[in-house]
Amino acid sequence: MIKLPIMKFEQWINEAVDPTPVAAGGGVVFCSAFSSESNIMASFAKELAGGFETTKKYTFKFRTFDDVKNLNNSIQTAKVEPITDVTQNDILIINNKSIIEKGEITLVKADVPGEITITASNNGILTLVRFGKAQADMIEAGIPSIASCKDWAVKLEIGNPIDDPEARGFKLWVAAAGKYKGTANGIALGALMLAARSAGMPEAWFKQTTLIRQYYNTYVKPYETSKDYQGSLNLLATNMGVGLKQNKVIVAENPQVNIVNFNTLIRTIAPKFANLTANSPVPRQLDFSAAYPVLNQVVGDIANAIAIGNSAEAADAKAKAQVAKIGFEERTSMVMQSYSTMLKNQLSRADVVYTASLIQPQTTHIGGPAVQPGGEQISVTQTHGEGQTK
């Protein structure tokens, strides 16, 4: 295929990467950055990554892999050598892994425990710049830096077909610590409402606020006749997962919730509603405290289903299937297990006292954290294009 010169790039490619952490706590990250086989024009190379020459290759030394995002500040101090083979214009070499013209490099945290040496030219440099931009998005998603992560996997590619819409840009998937409290509370609220209604809580008590009516109409009412608790909990897990995707989170496509603890939750709540009818007087307040430990377990079951399911017997197979789906090597399945565990643990951290207060049968609810259930909404990954080619 004839290589075509790149005539124009989007302005984002020149944006500085903000190195300032916006949150603490680490996380687990999957990131890929890639470029096509289009040739980089000399005029644009002068503007990219602090300015470089298309006939030269550059060798950088970084203290950690995290420092790659500061490429703009490093190019002037890099070792510079001429490209001696004109058929090898696009180079990316990281420690002992290399790409010449076309290919990919996959790294995990264990591969780069300390200082890292990178040699790059042309599209190799462009791919590193995109990796830097992905790190800027990672910071926005709640991960202070690659270095702060519990684990990560990064794939860098060059030489993709020009006409492939996925040929250029970056993709990022993040499981961040301390980031999903709103979703966790939404999980707890949906599960508790379904259990309370199944245990005998009158329907009229669920119509006091817009939020409670929405949850009732979505997760409770359609399943009252059939008592399909499995279907309702699976829908709750699916909808909460859809919300997480907008925040670059990998979730299970068809989550299946273990309902053993949920059935226990119904039995725990049932005595509070014995002998009630639709016309029973509304008590000032219900005490759900005895159900809190079981509700926590139910939230954990739903979180586990959303987080790809990291049960011991299935973790390895599911992790390998997921990394294949997002285009990573099988050897990164251990990173995927870390990712799944991180996400499950964060989604399990619901404030069950607060969510129980939301369905108290009274006009004025007990005060709680200013966190609304189900905080996040829709889309899988973010991809940035490199602009136009002619």
Protein backbone atom coordinates (compact mmCIF):
# COMPACT_ATOMS: atom_id res chain seq x y z
CA MET A 1 0.00 0.00 0.00
CA ILE A 2 1.27 3.49 -0.89
CA LYS A 3 1.91 5.63 2.16
CA LEU A 4 0.11 8.95 2.21
CA PRO A 5 1.47 12.06 3.92
CA ILE A 6 -0.55 13.45 6.80
CA MET A 7 -1.67 16.96 5.92
CA LYS A 8 -3.58 18.00 9.01
CA PHE A 9 -4.03 16.86 12.61
CA GLU A 10 -6.63 17.76 15.20
CA GLN A 11 -5.59 20.48 17.64
CA TRP A 12 -5.80 18.09 20.60
CA ILE A 13 -2.59 16.37 19.61
CA ASN A 14 -0.60 19.46 20.60
CA GLU A 15 -2.33 20.00 23.92
CA ALA A 16 -0.09 19.86 26.98
CA VAL A 17 -0.61 16.98 29.38
CA ASP A 18 -1.56 18.17 32.84
CA PRO A 19 0.62 16.22 35.30
CA THR A 20 -1.32 17.37 38.37
CA PRO A 21 -3.22 14.55 40.11
CA VAL A 22 -6.90 15.29 40.64
CA ALA A 23 -7.68 12.34 42.90
CA ALA A 24 -5.91 9.93 45.18
CA GLY A 25 -6.15 6.18 45.54
CA GLY A 26 -4.76 4.52 42.41
CA GLY A 27 -6.66 1.99 40.34
CA VAL A 28 -6.18 -0.38 37.41
CA VAL A 29 -5.87 0.78 33.79
CA PHE A 30 -5.96 -0.67 30.29
CA CYS A 31 -4.75 1.75 27.63
CA SER A 32 -3.94 1.47 23.93
CA ALA A 33 -2.47 4.16 21.66
CA PHE A 34 -2.00 3.72 17.93
CA SER A 35 -1.16 5.37 14.62
CA SER A 36 -1.66 4.54 10.96
CA GLU A 37 0.96 3.92 8.28
CA SER A 38 0.57 7.47 6.94
CA ASN A 39 3.86 9.34 6.66
CA ILE A 40 4.36 12.32 8.95
CA MET A 41 5.21 15.52 7.10
CA ALA A 42 8.36 17.39 8.15
CA SER A 43 6.38 20.58 8.73
CA PHE A 44 4.11 18.91 11.23
CA ALA A 45 6.94 17.02 12.96
CA LYS A 46 8.36 20.41 13.97
CA GLU A 47 5.17 21.07 15.96
CA LEU A 48 4.73 17.62 17.48
CA ALA A 49 6.21 16.53 20.84
CA GLY A 50 8.41 19.61 21.12
CA GLY A 51 9.64 19.33 17.52
CA PHE A 52 11.60 16.55 15.80
CA GLU A 53 13.08 15.70 12.40
CA THR A 54 11.56 12.96 10.28
CA THR A 55 15.00 11.71 9.22
CA LYS A 56 16.15 11.12 12.82
CA LYS A 57 15.43 8.68 15.62
CA TYR A 58 15.41 9.75 19.27
CA THR A 59 16.39 7.81 22.39
CA PHE A 60 14.86 8.86 25.71
CA LYS A 61 15.57 7.73 29.24
CA PHE A 62 12.77 8.07 31.77
CA ARG A 63 12.84 7.35 35.49
CA THR A 64 9.46 5.59 35.23
CA PHE A 65 6.95 4.77 32.51
CA ASP A 66 4.74 7.49 33.97
CA ASP A 67 7.24 10.12 32.77
CA VAL A 68 6.51 9.31 29.12
CA LYS A 69 3.69 11.85 29.33
CA ASN A 70 6.40 14.53 29.58
CA LEU A 71 7.75 13.70 26.11
CA ASN A 72 7.45 17.33 25.02
CA ASN A 73 9.97 18.32 27.68
CA SER A 74 12.38 15.49 26.87
CA ILE A 75 12.92 15.61 23.13
CA GLN A 76 15.54 18.36 23.30
CA THR A 77 17.71 16.29 25.63
CA ALA A 78 17.23 12.97 23.83
CA LYS A 79 20.05 11.16 22.03
CA VAL A 80 19.60 11.83 18.29
CA GLU A 81 20.78 9.53 15.48
CA PRO A 82 20.08 9.48 11.73
CA ILE A 83 17.71 6.88 10.29
CA THR A 84 20.07 4.86 8.09
CA ASP A 85 17.45 2.67 6.37
CA VAL A 86 14.78 4.67 4.54
CA THR A 87 12.47 1.63 4.61
CA GLN A 88 12.46 1.85 8.40
CA ASN A 89 11.11 5.34 9.10
CA ASP A 90 8.67 4.36 11.85
CA ILE A 91 10.42 2.98 14.93
CA LEU A 92 9.34 2.28 18.49
CA ILE A 93 11.65 0.37 20.83
CA ILE A 94 10.89 0.07 24.57
CA ASN A 95 13.56 -1.73 26.55
CA ASN A 96 13.86 -5.08 24.73
CA LYS A 97 10.59 -4.85 22.74
CA SER A 98 10.46 -3.22 19.32
CA ILE A 99 8.29 -2.25 16.36
CA ILE A 100 9.76 -1.40 12.97
CA GLU A 101 7.19 0.10 10.57
CA LYS A 102 4.28 -2.13 11.71
CA GLY A 103 3.37 -4.03 14.86
CA GLU A 104 2.52 -3.65 18.52
CA ILE A 105 4.12 -3.68 21.95
CA THR A 106 2.17 -4.74 25.03
CA LEU A 107 3.52 -3.91 28.47
CA VAL A 108 2.28 -4.56 32.01
CA LYS A 109 3.41 -2.87 35.20
CA ALA A 110 5.80 -5.72 36.03
CA ASP A 111 7.65 -5.18 32.71
CA VAL A 112 8.92 -1.71 33.68
CA PRO A 113 9.68 -1.63 37.41
CA GLY A 114 12.14 1.25 37.10
CA GLU A 115 14.06 3.27 34.52
CA ILE A 116 12.90 2.84 30.96
CA THR A 117 14.70 3.49 27.63
CA ILE A 118 12.64 4.31 24.55
CA THR A 119 13.85 4.84 20.98
CA ALA A 120 11.30 6.28 18.59
CA SER A 121 10.88 8.04 15.27
CA ASN A 122 7.95 9.47 13.30
CA ASN A 123 4.81 7.38 13.96
CA GLY A 124 6.54 5.86 16.97
CA ILE A 125 6.76 9.35 18.49
CA LEU A 126 3.17 10.10 17.45
CA THR A 127 1.97 6.97 19.27
CA LEU A 128 3.84 8.05 22.41
CA VAL A 129 2.19 11.48 22.21
CA ARG A 130 -1.20 9.80 22.03
CA PHE A 131 -0.32 7.67 25.01
CA GLY A 132 0.44 10.93 26.83
CA LYS A 133 -2.99 12.30 25.87
CA ALA A 134 -4.58 9.07 27.13
CA GLN A 135 -2.86 9.67 30.47
CA ALA A 136 -4.44 13.13 30.61
CA ASP A 137 -7.87 11.50 30.17
CA MET A 138 -6.89 8.90 32.76
CA ILE A 139 -6.31 11.71 35.28
CA GLU A 140 -9.77 13.11 34.50
CA ALA A 141 -11.23 9.62 35.07
CA GLY A 142 -9.82 9.54 38.59
CA ILE A 143 -6.36 7.92 38.27
CA PRO A 144 -3.60 10.34 39.34
CA SER A 145 -0.91 8.61 37.28
CA ILE A 146 0.20 5.30 35.79
CA ALA A 147 2.72 5.13 38.61
CA SER A 148 -0.07 5.24 41.21
CA CYS A 149 -1.91 2.27 39.72
CA LYS A 150 -2.15 -1.06 41.46
CA ASP A 151 -1.68 -2.60 38.00
CA TRP A 152 -1.91 -1.63 34.34
CA ALA A 153 -1.57 -2.91 30.77
CA VAL A 154 -0.57 -0.66 27.85
CA LYS A 155 -0.57 -1.55 24.15
CA LEU A 156 1.20 0.68 21.60
CA GLU A 157 0.70 0.15 17.85
CA ILE A 158 2.07 1.66 14.64
CA GLY A 159 1.45 0.86 10.98
CA ASN A 160 -2.32 0.39 10.96
CA PRO A 161 -4.16 0.61 7.60
CA ILE A 162 -5.00 4.18 6.61
CA ASP A 163 -8.63 3.41 5.72
CA ASP A 164 -9.31 1.66 9.04
CA PRO A 165 -11.48 3.95 11.23
CA GLU A 166 -9.77 2.38 14.26
CA ALA A 167 -6.30 3.01 12.83
CA ARG A 168 -5.38 6.07 14.85
CA GLY A 169 -6.00 7.53 18.29
CA PHE A 170 -6.20 5.94 21.72
CA LYS A 171 -8.55 3.97 23.94
CA LEU A 172 -8.69 3.91 27.69
CA TRP A 173 -10.43 1.71 30.26
CA VAL A 174 -10.23 2.65 33.95
CA ALA A 175 -11.19 1.15 37.30
CA ALA A 176 -10.57 3.96 39.78
CA ALA A 177 -10.52 3.81 43.56
CA GLY A 178 -13.15 5.88 45.36
CA LYS A 179 -14.96 6.80 42.15
CA TYR A 180 -18.26 4.88 42.03
CA LYS A 181 -20.09 5.68 45.25
CA GLY A 182 -23.13 7.02 43.37
CA THR A 183 -23.48 3.81 41.39
CA ALA A 184 -22.97 1.69 44.52
CA ASN A 185 -25.79 3.58 46.25
CA GLY A 186 -28.00 3.06 43.20
CA ILE A 187 -27.37 -0.68 43.39
CA ALA A 188 -28.30 -0.73 47.08
CA LEU A 189 -31.44 1.32 46.52
CA GLY A 190 -32.74 -0.88 43.70
CA ALA A 191 -32.09 -4.09 45.61
CA LEU A 192 -33.65 -2.82 48.85
CA MET A 193 -36.78 -1.52 47.11
CA LEU A 194 -37.33 -4.83 45.34
CA ALA A 195 -36.81 -6.77 48.56
CA ALA A 196 -39.08 -4.47 50.59
CA ARG A 197 -41.92 -4.71 48.09
CA SER A 198 -41.47 -8.48 47.79
CA ALA A 199 -41.62 -8.68 51.59
CA GLY A 200 -44.96 -6.81 51.70
CA MET A 201 -44.24 -3.07 51.73
CA PRO A 202 -47.39 -1.42 50.25
CA GLU A 203 -47.10 -0.03 46.72
CA ALA A 204 -48.38 3.39 47.76
CA TRP A 205 -45.32 3.92 49.93
CA PHE A 206 -43.10 3.94 46.84
CA LYS A 207 -44.70 7.01 45.25
CA GLN A 208 -43.40 9.76 47.50
CA THR A 209 -40.50 11.08 45.37
CA THR A 210 -39.61 11.12 41.67
CA LEU A 211 -36.48 9.06 42.26
CA ILE A 212 -38.29 6.33 44.20
CA ARG A 213 -41.10 6.19 41.62
CA GLN A 214 -38.55 5.77 38.83
CA TYR A 215 -36.82 2.91 40.63
CA TYR A 216 -40.16 1.30 41.49
CA ASN A 217 -41.45 1.51 37.90
CA THR A 218 -38.20 0.10 36.47
CA TYR A 219 -37.09 -2.59 38.90
CA VAL A 220 -40.13 -3.55 40.96
CA LYS A 221 -43.47 -3.16 39.20
CA PRO A 222 -42.66 -5.21 36.04
CA TYR A 223 -41.65 -8.19 38.20
CA GLU A 224 -44.36 -8.15 40.91
CA THR A 225 -46.62 -10.76 39.31
CA SER A 226 -43.93 -13.16 38.14
CA LYS A 227 -41.71 -12.61 41.20
CA ASP A 228 -38.77 -12.80 38.80
CA TYR A 229 -36.20 -11.45 41.23
CA GLN A 230 -33.40 -12.76 39.04
CA GLY A 231 -34.66 -10.74 36.07
CA SER A 232 -35.03 -7.57 38.10
CA LEU A 233 -31.56 -7.83 39.66
CA ASN A 234 -29.98 -8.63 36.29
CA LEU A 235 -31.66 -5.52 34.83
CA LEU A 236 -30.39 -3.43 37.75
CA ALA A 237 -26.85 -4.72 37.17
CA THR A 238 -27.13 -4.12 33.41
CA ASN A 239 -28.39 -0.54 33.77
CA MET A 240 -25.75 0.39 36.33
CA GLY A 241 -23.12 -1.11 34.02
CA VAL A 242 -24.40 0.97 31.10
CA GLY A 243 -23.93 4.06 33.21
CA LEU A 244 -20.36 3.11 34.09
CA LYS A 245 -19.33 2.71 30.44
CA GLN A 246 -19.36 6.46 29.85
CA ASN A 247 -16.60 6.70 32.40
CA LYS A 248 -14.38 4.28 30.46
CA VAL A 249 -15.20 1.28 32.64
CA ILE A 250 -15.19 -2.32 31.35
CA VAL A 251 -18.31 -4.17 32.53
CA ALA A 252 -20.04 -7.47 31.82
CA GLU A 253 -22.44 -7.36 28.87
CA ASN A 254 -25.03 -9.76 30.37
CA PRO A 255 -24.53 -9.75 34.14
CA GLN A 256 -26.08 -12.63 36.06
CA VAL A 257 -26.61 -11.92 39.75
CA ASN A 258 -26.41 -14.64 42.40
CA ILE A 259 -29.73 -14.24 44.29
CA VAL A 260 -29.10 -16.46 47.33
CA ASN A 261 -28.34 -13.48 49.58
CA PHE A 262 -31.22 -11.52 48.03
CA ASN A 263 -33.70 -14.21 49.10
CA THR A 264 -32.24 -13.95 52.61
CA LEU A 265 -32.75 -10.17 52.47
CA ILE A 266 -36.46 -10.65 51.74
CA ARG A 267 -36.81 -13.02 54.69
CA THR A 268 -34.97 -10.54 56.93
CA ILE A 269 -37.29 -7.66 56.00
CA ALA A 270 -40.58 -9.60 55.86
CA PRO A 271 -41.49 -9.40 59.59
CA LYS A 272 -41.74 -5.61 59.33
CA PHE A 273 -44.62 -5.87 56.87
CA ALA A 274 -46.57 -8.82 58.31
CA ASN A 275 -50.34 -8.35 58.06
CA LEU A 276 -50.07 -4.99 56.28
CA THR A 277 -52.57 -3.96 53.58
CA ALA A 278 -52.61 -1.15 51.05
CA ASN A 279 -54.66 0.92 53.51
CA SER A 280 -52.46 0.30 56.53
CA PRO A 281 -51.33 3.47 58.33
CA VAL A 282 -47.91 4.68 57.34
CA PRO A 283 -45.39 4.49 60.21
CA ARG A 284 -43.20 7.47 60.87
CA GLN A 285 -40.06 5.47 60.22
CA LEU A 286 -38.96 1.92 59.43
CA ASP A 287 -35.93 0.34 61.04
CA PHE A 288 -33.98 -1.58 58.40
CA SER A 289 -30.83 -1.87 60.50
CA ALA A 290 -31.13 -5.65 60.91
CA ALA A 291 -31.04 -5.97 57.13
CA TYR A 292 -27.93 -3.84 56.57
CA PRO A 293 -25.39 -6.74 56.72
CA VAL A 294 -27.41 -8.81 54.24
CA LEU A 295 -28.00 -5.80 51.99
CA ASN A 296 -24.24 -5.27 51.91
CA GLN A 297 -23.84 -8.85 50.72
CA VAL A 298 -26.48 -8.36 48.02
CA VAL A 299 -24.73 -5.20 46.82
CA GLY A 300 -21.53 -7.26 46.61
CA ASP A 301 -23.30 -9.91 44.52
CA ILE A 302 -24.56 -7.31 42.05
CA ALA A 303 -21.18 -5.57 41.96
CA ASN A 304 -19.52 -8.91 41.23
CA ALA A 305 -21.87 -9.51 38.30
CA ILE A 306 -21.19 -6.04 36.86
CA ALA A 307 -17.42 -6.41 37.28
CA ILE A 308 -17.22 -9.28 34.76
CA GLY A 309 -17.67 -11.82 37.54
CA ASN A 310 -14.46 -12.51 39.40
CA SER A 311 -15.52 -15.68 41.20
CA ALA A 312 -12.50 -17.90 41.76
CA GLU A 313 -13.68 -20.75 39.55
CA ALA A 314 -14.35 -18.52 36.53
CA ALA A 315 -11.96 -15.60 36.94
CA ASP A 316 -9.20 -16.78 34.61
CA ALA A 317 -11.47 -17.79 31.72
CA LYS A 318 -13.53 -14.61 31.95
CA ALA A 319 -10.43 -12.45 32.19
CA LYS A 320 -8.91 -14.04 29.09
CA ALA A 321 -12.14 -13.60 27.15
CA GLN A 322 -12.35 -9.94 28.14
CA VAL A 323 -8.76 -9.05 27.26
CA ALA A 324 -9.24 -10.72 23.87
CA LYS A 325 -12.38 -8.64 23.32
CA ILE A 326 -10.59 -5.33 23.94
CA GLY A 327 -7.59 -6.42 21.88
CA PHE A 328 -4.96 -7.22 24.49
CA GLU A 329 -2.70 -10.25 24.83
CA GLU A 330 -3.78 -13.23 26.88
CA ARG A 331 -0.90 -12.63 29.27
CA THR A 332 -2.64 -9.49 30.52
CA SER A 333 -5.46 -11.58 32.00
CA MET A 334 -3.92 -11.18 35.47
CA VAL A 335 -4.24 -7.40 35.05
CA MET A 336 -7.88 -7.93 34.07
CA GLN A 337 -8.46 -9.91 37.26
CA SER A 338 -6.97 -7.02 39.25
CA TYR A 339 -9.22 -4.64 37.30
CA SER A 340 -12.32 -6.72 38.02
CA THR A 341 -11.48 -7.03 41.71
CA MET A 342 -10.87 -3.27 42.03
CA LEU A 343 -14.18 -2.46 40.34
CA LYS A 344 -16.13 -5.01 42.38
CA ASN A 345 -14.70 -3.70 45.65
CA GLN A 346 -15.53 -0.10 44.75
CA LEU A 347 -19.08 -0.92 43.60
CA SER A 348 -19.66 -2.81 46.86
CA ARG A 349 -19.05 0.29 48.97
CA ALA A 350 -22.65 1.50 49.17
CA ASP A 351 -23.91 3.63 52.01
CA VAL A 352 -26.76 1.28 52.90
CA VAL A 353 -27.93 3.51 55.78
CA TYR A 354 -28.37 6.39 53.36
CA THR A 355 -30.12 4.31 50.70
CA ALA A 356 -32.47 2.82 53.31
CA SER A 357 -33.38 6.36 54.37
CA LEU A 358 -34.55 7.11 50.83
CA ILE A 359 -37.44 4.64 51.04
CA GLN A 360 -38.61 5.65 54.50
CA PRO A 361 -42.41 6.08 54.30
CA GLN A 362 -42.38 9.75 55.26
CA THR A 363 -42.23 13.08 53.47
CA THR A 364 -38.98 14.25 55.05
CA HIS A 365 -36.15 11.78 54.69
CA ILE A 366 -33.23 11.23 57.01
CA GLY A 367 -30.20 13.26 55.92
CA GLY A 368 -27.34 11.50 54.17
CA PRO A 369 -24.31 12.09 51.95
CA ALA A 370 -24.92 14.34 48.97
CA VAL A 371 -24.52 11.40 46.58
CA GLN A 372 -27.36 10.51 44.28
CA PRO A 373 -27.69 6.84 43.27
CA GLY A 374 -26.63 5.89 39.78
CA GLY A 375 -24.26 8.75 39.06
CA GLU A 376 -22.78 7.68 35.74
CA GLN A 377 -24.37 7.22 32.28
CA ILE A 378 -23.40 5.53 28.88
CA SER A 379 -20.61 4.79 26.03
CA VAL A 380 -17.72 2.34 26.00
CA THR A 381 -14.43 3.92 25.08
CA GLN A 382 -13.12 7.20 23.83
CA THR A 383 -11.20 7.28 20.56
CA HIS A 384 -9.45 10.36 19.19
CA GLY A 385 -8.57 10.56 15.49
CA GLU A 386 -5.37 12.01 14.12
CA GLY A 387 -7.06 14.21 11.54
CA GLN A 388 -7.26 14.12 7.76
CA THR A 389 -5.10 12.35 5.23
CA LYS A 390 -4.85 13.09 1.57
